[in-house]
Amino acid sequence: MNNLYILAAAGDDGAEGEIITSQNSEGKTEESTIQDASNSGTAKEVAPRRQPALFSYLPLIVIVIVMYMLLFRGPKKKQQQHQKMVQSLRRNDRVRTIGGILGTVIDVKDDEIMLKVDESNNTKIKVTAGAISKVLSGEVN
């Protein structure tokens, strides 16, 4: 019986060809070189290009900007509009409070607004500036 022993090294070490050693039953050793089919010809391996770090973080940056716009900028803008509305209140403006009370502005102080809520009894109440929800003077009821 002729036994054939083949010793081969497999690996991805980037060598052009691999050397295979074979030994038959009579003790003769033969060496042969084989070439990898994927590396043959003029084709060269091209390493994949890495994208700059900015592109990999771009979705995260966009999410942070959108969250800033929704969570911080919107309420802050609304608060500024409310403050501007309260500062523009004058005597005899009709207003509605956050509690639903309708009244007419009599006096505006730093953080207090005096409202007349009943004409027949001359009922007046003091509310804070933050309690004013809407100015109704310019609207037609």
C-alpha atoms as a PDB file:
ATOM      1  CA  MET A   1       0.000   0.000   0.000  1.00  0.00           C
ATOM      2  CA  ASN A   2       1.210   3.377  -0.913  1.00  0.00           C
ATOM      3  CA  ASN A   3       0.311   5.865   1.762  1.00  0.00           C
ATOM      4  CA  LEU A   4       0.459   9.506   0.952  1.00  0.00           C
ATOM      5  CA  TYR A   5       0.886  12.052   3.733  1.00  0.00           C
ATOM      6  CA  ILE A   6       0.222  15.737   3.031  1.00  0.00           C
ATOM      7  CA  LEU A   7       1.322  18.496   5.370  1.00  0.00           C
ATOM      8  CA  ALA A   8      -0.268  21.845   4.601  1.00  0.00           C
ATOM      9  CA  ALA A   9      -0.529  25.159   6.361  1.00  0.00           C
ATOM     10  CA  ALA A  10      -3.746  27.090   6.103  1.00  0.00           C
ATOM     11  CA  GLY A  11      -4.024  30.694   7.138  1.00  0.00           C
ATOM     12  CA  ASP A  12      -4.657  34.188   5.973  1.00  0.00           C
ATOM     13  CA  ASP A  13      -1.150  35.542   6.240  1.00  0.00           C
ATOM     14  CA  GLY A  14      -1.252  37.315   2.893  1.00  0.00           C
ATOM     15  CA  ALA A  15       1.310  35.079   1.122  1.00  0.00           C
ATOM     16  CA  GLU A  16       1.016  34.766  -2.652  1.00  0.00           C
ATOM     17  CA  GLY A  17       1.282  30.953  -2.694  1.00  0.00           C
ATOM     18  CA  GLU A  18       1.318  28.175  -0.185  1.00  0.00           C
ATOM     19  CA  ILE A  19       3.929  25.460   0.031  1.00  0.00           C
ATOM     20  CA  ILE A  20       2.565  21.973   0.435  1.00  0.00           C
ATOM     21  CA  THR A  21       4.864  19.184   1.499  1.00  0.00           C
ATOM     22  CA  SER A  22       3.923  15.615   0.712  1.00  0.00           C
ATOM     23  CA  GLN A  23       5.666  12.397   1.610  1.00  0.00           C
ATOM     24  CA  ASN A  24       4.903   9.051   0.096  1.00  0.00           C
ATOM     25  CA  SER A  25       5.381   5.620   1.654  1.00  0.00           C
ATOM     26  CA  GLU A  26       8.888   5.219   0.273  1.00  0.00           C
ATOM     27  CA  GLY A  27      10.121   8.271   2.200  1.00  0.00           C
ATOM     28  CA  LYS A  28      10.449  10.614  -0.757  1.00  0.00           C
ATOM     29  CA  THR A  29       9.474  14.176   0.013  1.00  0.00           C
ATOM     30  CA  GLU A  30       8.022  16.474  -2.600  1.00  0.00           C
ATOM     31  CA  GLU A  31       7.239  20.180  -2.292  1.00  0.00           C
ATOM     32  CA  SER A  32       4.835  22.049  -4.464  1.00  0.00           C
ATOM     33  CA  THR A  33       3.479  25.565  -4.450  1.00  0.00           C
ATOM     34  CA  ILE A  34      -0.116  26.452  -5.122  1.00  0.00           C
ATOM     35  CA  GLN A  35      -1.615  29.830  -5.776  1.00  0.00           C
ATOM     36  CA  ASP A  36      -4.861  31.091  -4.333  1.00  0.00           C
ATOM     37  CA  ALA A  37      -7.416  31.571  -7.105  1.00  0.00           C
ATOM     38  CA  SER A  38      -8.698  34.812  -5.632  1.00  0.00           C
ATOM     39  CA  ASN A  39      -5.240  36.421  -5.737  1.00  0.00           C
ATOM     40  CA  SER A  40      -4.362  35.375  -9.269  1.00  0.00           C
ATOM     41  CA  GLY A  41      -4.252  37.828 -12.157  1.00  0.00           C
ATOM     42  CA  THR A  42      -4.002  41.568 -11.919  1.00  0.00           C
ATOM     43  CA  ALA A  43      -6.698  41.995  -9.277  1.00  0.00           C
ATOM     44  CA  LYS A  44      -5.386  43.700  -6.153  1.00  0.00           C
ATOM     45  CA  GLU A  45      -7.009  43.683  -2.780  1.00  0.00           C
ATOM     46  CA  VAL A  46      -8.215  47.101  -1.780  1.00  0.00           C
ATOM     47  CA  ALA A  47      -8.678  47.844   1.892  1.00  0.00           C
ATOM     48  CA  PRO A  48     -12.097  49.296   2.649  1.00  0.00           C
ATOM     49  CA  ARG A  49     -12.028  53.047   3.173  1.00  0.00           C
ATOM     50  CA  ARG A  50     -12.918  54.200   6.650  1.00  0.00           C
ATOM     51  CA  GLN A  51     -15.401  56.987   6.959  1.00  0.00           C
ATOM     52  CA  PRO A  52     -14.463  60.002   9.053  1.00  0.00           C
ATOM     53  CA  ALA A  53     -15.673  59.879  12.640  1.00  0.00           C
ATOM     54  CA  LEU A  54     -18.112  62.731  11.971  1.00  0.00           C
ATOM     55  CA  PHE A  55     -20.197  60.556   9.644  1.00  0.00           C
ATOM     56  CA  SER A  56     -20.516  57.793  12.195  1.00  0.00           C
ATOM     57  CA  TYR A  57     -21.708  60.265  14.851  1.00  0.00           C
ATOM     58  CA  LEU A  58     -23.962  62.233  12.474  1.00  0.00           C
ATOM     59  CA  PRO A  59     -27.234  60.434  13.398  1.00  0.00           C
ATOM     60  CA  LEU A  60     -26.521  60.997  17.099  1.00  0.00           C
ATOM     61  CA  ILE A  61     -25.824  64.690  16.483  1.00  0.00           C
ATOM     62  CA  VAL A  62     -29.080  65.079  14.523  1.00  0.00           C
ATOM     63  CA  ILE A  63     -31.060  63.394  17.316  1.00  0.00           C
ATOM     64  CA  VAL A  64     -29.533  65.707  19.936  1.00  0.00           C
ATOM     65  CA  ILE A  65     -30.415  68.785  17.859  1.00  0.00           C
ATOM     66  CA  VAL A  66     -34.014  67.629  17.369  1.00  0.00           C
ATOM     67  CA  MET A  67     -34.374  66.865  21.083  1.00  0.00           C
ATOM     68  CA  TYR A  68     -33.048  70.341  21.931  1.00  0.00           C
ATOM     69  CA  MET A  69     -35.589  71.926  19.597  1.00  0.00           C
ATOM     70  CA  LEU A  70     -38.487  69.937  21.060  1.00  0.00           C
ATOM     71  CA  LEU A  71     -37.621  69.934  24.744  1.00  0.00           C
ATOM     72  CA  PHE A  72     -35.966  73.281  25.379  1.00  0.00           C
ATOM     73  CA  ARG A  73     -36.566  75.763  22.594  1.00  0.00           C
ATOM     74  CA  GLY A  74     -40.343  75.300  22.237  1.00  0.00           C
ATOM     75  CA  PRO A  75     -41.330  75.915  25.875  1.00  0.00           C
ATOM     76  CA  LYS A  76     -38.809  78.734  26.202  1.00  0.00           C
ATOM     77  CA  LYS A  77     -40.279  80.471  23.154  1.00  0.00           C
ATOM     78  CA  LYS A  78     -43.803  80.023  24.533  1.00  0.00           C
ATOM     79  CA  GLN A  79     -42.716  81.452  27.884  1.00  0.00           C
ATOM     80  CA  GLN A  80     -41.223  84.504  26.154  1.00  0.00           C
ATOM     81  CA  GLN A  81     -44.482  85.073  24.241  1.00  0.00           C
ATOM     82  CA  HIS A  82     -46.474  84.852  27.493  1.00  0.00           C
ATOM     83  CA  GLN A  83     -44.143  87.309  29.205  1.00  0.00           C
ATOM     84  CA  LYS A  84     -44.470  89.716  26.283  1.00  0.00           C
ATOM     85  CA  MET A  85     -48.285  89.409  26.420  1.00  0.00           C
ATOM     86  CA  VAL A  86     -48.351  90.122  30.174  1.00  0.00           C
ATOM     87  CA  GLN A  87     -46.056  93.148  29.781  1.00  0.00           C
ATOM     88  CA  SER A  88     -48.348  94.584  27.114  1.00  0.00           C
ATOM     89  CA  LEU A  89     -51.453  94.439  29.374  1.00  0.00           C
ATOM     90  CA  ARG A  90     -53.135  97.809  29.855  1.00  0.00           C
ATOM     91  CA  ARG A  91     -56.113  99.114  31.788  1.00  0.00           C
ATOM     92  CA  ASN A  92     -59.530  97.981  30.427  1.00  0.00           C
ATOM     93  CA  ASP A  93     -58.111  94.906  28.587  1.00  0.00           C
ATOM     94  CA  ARG A  94     -60.409  91.858  28.791  1.00  0.00           C
ATOM     95  CA  VAL A  95     -58.501  88.742  29.906  1.00  0.00           C
ATOM     96  CA  ARG A  96     -59.121  85.107  30.777  1.00  0.00           C
ATOM     97  CA  THR A  97     -57.183  83.423  33.580  1.00  0.00           C
ATOM     98  CA  ILE A  98     -55.946  79.841  33.585  1.00  0.00           C
ATOM     99  CA  GLY A  99     -58.828  79.039  35.943  1.00  0.00           C
ATOM    100  CA  GLY A 100     -61.353  80.270  33.389  1.00  0.00           C
ATOM    101  CA  ILE A 101     -62.253  83.541  35.146  1.00  0.00           C
ATOM    102  CA  LEU A 102     -63.074  86.393  32.775  1.00  0.00           C
ATOM    103  CA  GLY A 103     -62.282  89.890  33.888  1.00  0.00           C
ATOM    104  CA  THR A 104     -61.203  93.389  32.988  1.00  0.00           C
ATOM    105  CA  VAL A 105     -57.761  94.667  33.941  1.00  0.00           C
ATOM    106  CA  ILE A 106     -57.925  97.542  36.436  1.00  0.00           C
ATOM    107  CA  ASP A 107     -54.318  97.794  37.605  1.00  0.00           C
ATOM    108  CA  VAL A 108     -51.017  96.178  36.622  1.00  0.00           C
ATOM    109  CA  LYS A 109     -48.183  96.070  39.167  1.00  0.00           C
ATOM    110  CA  ASP A 110     -44.898  94.120  39.131  1.00  0.00           C
ATOM    111  CA  ASP A 111     -46.267  90.608  39.490  1.00  0.00           C
ATOM    112  CA  GLU A 112     -49.871  91.314  40.444  1.00  0.00           C
ATOM    113  CA  ILE A 113     -52.788  92.163  38.232  1.00  0.00           C
ATOM    114  CA  MET A 114     -56.077  93.514  39.612  1.00  0.00           C
ATOM    115  CA  LEU A 115     -59.121  92.233  37.714  1.00  0.00           C
ATOM    116  CA  LYS A 116     -62.712  93.405  37.911  1.00  0.00           C
ATOM    117  CA  VAL A 117     -64.847  90.295  37.495  1.00  0.00           C
ATOM    118  CA  ASP A 118     -68.377  91.566  38.271  1.00  0.00           C
ATOM    119  CA  GLU A 119     -69.740  94.926  37.208  1.00  0.00           C
ATOM    120  CA  SER A 120     -72.864  94.920  39.405  1.00  0.00           C
ATOM    121  CA  ASN A 121     -71.091  94.179  42.731  1.00  0.00           C
ATOM    122  CA  ASN A 122     -67.787  95.797  41.721  1.00  0.00           C
ATOM    123  CA  THR A 123     -65.982  92.550  42.615  1.00  0.00           C
ATOM    124  CA  LYS A 124     -62.200  92.705  42.198  1.00  0.00           C
ATOM    125  CA  ILE A 125     -59.558  90.002  42.502  1.00  0.00           C
ATOM    126  CA  LYS A 126     -55.774  90.049  42.454  1.00  0.00           C
ATOM    127  CA  VAL A 127     -53.981  87.405  40.372  1.00  0.00           C
ATOM    128  CA  THR A 128     -50.363  86.803  39.521  1.00  0.00           C
ATOM    129  CA  ALA A 129     -49.085  87.588  36.047  1.00  0.00           C
ATOM    130  CA  GLY A 130     -48.635  83.872  35.363  1.00  0.00           C
ATOM    131  CA  ALA A 131     -52.357  83.275  35.896  1.00  0.00           C
ATOM    132  CA  ILE A 132     -53.315  85.261  32.799  1.00  0.00           C
ATOM    133  CA  SER A 133     -54.020  82.822  29.994  1.00  0.00           C
ATOM    134  CA  LYS A 134     -55.252  84.969  27.145  1.00  0.00           C
ATOM    135  CA  VAL A 135     -56.029  88.550  26.250  1.00  0.00           C
ATOM    136  CA  LEU A 136     -59.554  88.769  24.814  1.00  0.00           C
ATOM    137  CA  SER A 137     -59.681  92.491  24.009  1.00  0.00           C
ATOM    138  CA  GLY A 138     -58.806  92.104  20.339  1.00  0.00           C
ATOM    139  CA  GLU A 139     -61.208  89.206  19.747  1.00  0.00           C
ATOM    140  CA  VAL A 140     -64.825  89.410  18.674  1.00  0.00           C
ATOM    141  CA  ASN A 141     -67.099  87.252  20.889  1.00  0.00           C
END
